[in-house]
C-alpha atoms as a PDB file:
ATOM      1  CA  MET A   1     135.495 101.992   7.354  1.00  0.00           C
ATOM      2  CA  ASN A   2     136.516 104.716  10.720  1.00  0.00           C
ATOM      3  CA  LEU A   3     133.869 106.497  12.411  1.00  0.00           C
ATOM      4  CA  THR A   4     134.729 110.043  10.509  1.00  0.00           C
ATOM      5  CA  GLU A   5     134.275 108.159   7.345  1.00  0.00           C
ATOM      6  CA  TYR A   6     131.021 106.906   8.919  1.00  0.00           C
ATOM      7  CA  LEU A   7     129.719 110.490  10.226  1.00  0.00           C
ATOM      8  CA  SER A   8     130.926 112.185   7.271  1.00  0.00           C
ATOM      9  CA  GLU A   9     128.611 109.736   4.737  1.00  0.00           C
ATOM     10  CA  ARG A  10     125.465 109.441   7.005  1.00  0.00           C
ATOM     11  CA  GLY A  11     126.151 112.742   8.921  1.00  0.00           C
ATOM     12  CA  ALA A  12     124.456 110.907  11.607  1.00  0.00           C
ATOM     13  CA  VAL A  13     126.154 112.665  14.601  1.00  0.00           C
ATOM     14  CA  VAL A  14     123.241 113.105  16.387  1.00  0.00           C
ATOM     15  CA  ARG A  15     120.997 109.647  15.756  1.00  0.00           C
ATOM     16  CA  LEU A  16     124.606 107.724  16.782  1.00  0.00           C
ATOM     17  CA  ALA A  17     125.013 109.957  20.159  1.00  0.00           C
ATOM     18  CA  SER A  18     121.317 109.262  21.406  1.00  0.00           C
ATOM     19  CA  GLU A  19     121.689 105.664  20.208  1.00  0.00           C
ATOM     20  CA  ILE A  20     124.742 105.083  22.433  1.00  0.00           C
ATOM     21  CA  GLY A  21     123.593 107.560  25.052  1.00  0.00           C
ATOM     22  CA  VAL A  22     126.453 110.511  24.938  1.00  0.00           C
ATOM     23  CA  GLU A  23     125.831 114.401  24.048  1.00  0.00           C
ATOM     24  CA  PRO A  24     126.314 114.805  20.179  1.00  0.00           C
ATOM     25  CA  PRO A  25     129.353 116.951  20.912  1.00  0.00           C
ATOM     26  CA  LEU A  26     131.277 114.342  22.362  1.00  0.00           C
ATOM     27  CA  VAL A  27     130.518 112.670  18.828  1.00  0.00           C
ATOM     28  CA  SER A  28     131.519 115.414  16.958  1.00  0.00           C
ATOM     29  CA  GLN A  29     134.980 115.142  19.120  1.00  0.00           C
ATOM     30  CA  TRP A  30     135.278 111.869  18.063  1.00  0.00           C
ATOM     31  CA  LYS A  31     135.007 112.429  14.447  1.00  0.00           C
ATOM     32  CA  ASN A  32     137.127 115.374  14.331  1.00  0.00           C
ATOM     33  CA  GLY A  33     139.646 113.431  16.126  1.00  0.00           C
ATOM     34  CA  HIS A  34     139.549 116.088  18.977  1.00  0.00           C
ATOM     35  CA  ARG A  35     139.438 113.567  21.525  1.00  0.00           C
ATOM     36  CA  PRO A  36     139.975 109.669  21.490  1.00  0.00           C
ATOM     37  CA  ILE A  37     137.267 107.474  21.601  1.00  0.00           C
ATOM     38  CA  PRO A  38     136.623 105.872  24.959  1.00  0.00           C
ATOM     39  CA  ALA A  39     137.255 101.917  24.276  1.00  0.00           C
ATOM     40  CA  ALA A  40     134.210 101.711  26.410  1.00  0.00           C
ATOM     41  CA  HIS A  41     132.121 103.197  23.606  1.00  0.00           C
ATOM     42  CA  CYS A  42     133.247 100.773  21.192  1.00  0.00           C
ATOM     43  CA  PRO A  43     131.262  98.441  21.247  1.00  0.00           C
ATOM     44  CA  ALA A  44     128.020  99.841  21.678  1.00  0.00           C
ATOM     45  CA  ILE A  45     129.267 101.976  18.606  1.00  0.00           C
ATOM     46  CA  GLU A  46     130.100  98.889  16.856  1.00  0.00           C
ATOM     47  CA  ARG A  47     126.497  97.666  17.346  1.00  0.00           C
ATOM     48  CA  ALA A  48     125.008 100.959  16.522  1.00  0.00           C
ATOM     49  CA  THR A  49     126.417 101.066  13.112  1.00  0.00           C
ATOM     50  CA  SER A  50     125.932  97.126  12.482  1.00  0.00           C
ATOM     51  CA  GLY A  51     129.658  96.689  12.678  1.00  0.00           C
ATOM     52  CA  VAL A  52     130.263  98.867   9.573  1.00  0.00           C
ATOM     53  CA  VAL A  53     132.669 100.330  12.111  1.00  0.00           C
ATOM     54  CA  SER A  54     134.474  98.063  13.954  1.00  0.00           C
ATOM     55  CA  CYS A  55     136.115  98.283  17.328  1.00  0.00           C
ATOM     56  CA  GLU A  56     139.444  97.199  15.698  1.00  0.00           C
ATOM     57  CA  SER A  57     138.913 100.423  13.057  1.00  0.00           C
ATOM     58  CA  MET A  58     138.224 103.116  16.076  1.00  0.00           C
ATOM     59  CA  ARG A  59     141.150 102.079  18.446  1.00  0.00           C
ATOM     60  CA  PRO A  60     143.429  99.185  16.896  1.00  0.00           C
ATOM     61  CA  ASP A  61     145.706  99.895  19.724  1.00  0.00           C
ATOM     62  CA  ILE A  62     143.604  97.513  22.208  1.00  0.00           C
ATOM     63  CA  ASP A  63     143.528  93.352  21.621  1.00  0.00           C
ATOM     64  CA  TRP A  64     139.786  93.229  20.214  1.00  0.00           C
ATOM     65  CA  ALA A  65     139.984  90.023  19.340  1.00  0.00           C
ATOM     66  CA  TYR A  66     140.983  88.747  23.271  1.00  0.00           C
ATOM     67  CA  ILE A  67     138.218  90.788  24.255  1.00  0.00           C
ATOM     68  CA  ARG A  68     135.361  89.134  22.357  1.00  0.00           C
ATOM     69  CA  SER A  69     136.954  86.018  23.346  1.00  0.00           C
ATOM     70  CA  THR A  70     137.237  86.121  27.082  1.00  0.00           C
ATOM     71  CA  ALA A  71     133.510  88.210  27.286  1.00  0.00           C
ATOM     72  CA  LYS A  72     130.307  86.733  29.573  1.00  0.00           C
ATOM     73  CA  VAL A  73     127.800  86.153  27.211  1.00  0.00           C
ATOM     74  CA  ALA A  74     124.316  88.260  28.756  1.00  0.00           C
END
């Protein structure tokens, strides 16, 4: 599922914005395709949506498998 579908079904723009620390209008711009989703926000969105919206669905141009394999565990 992509971010637009997720937000359209759940109407959760304000909640998602709060969970990832951005303003709701920015999430609306991502939802409507007016601004690209920055790669730095993708992991937080994936966590906030319990994996329903994956980094790969938001930014297929990025090699997320490589990033995950080299990420340091906190």
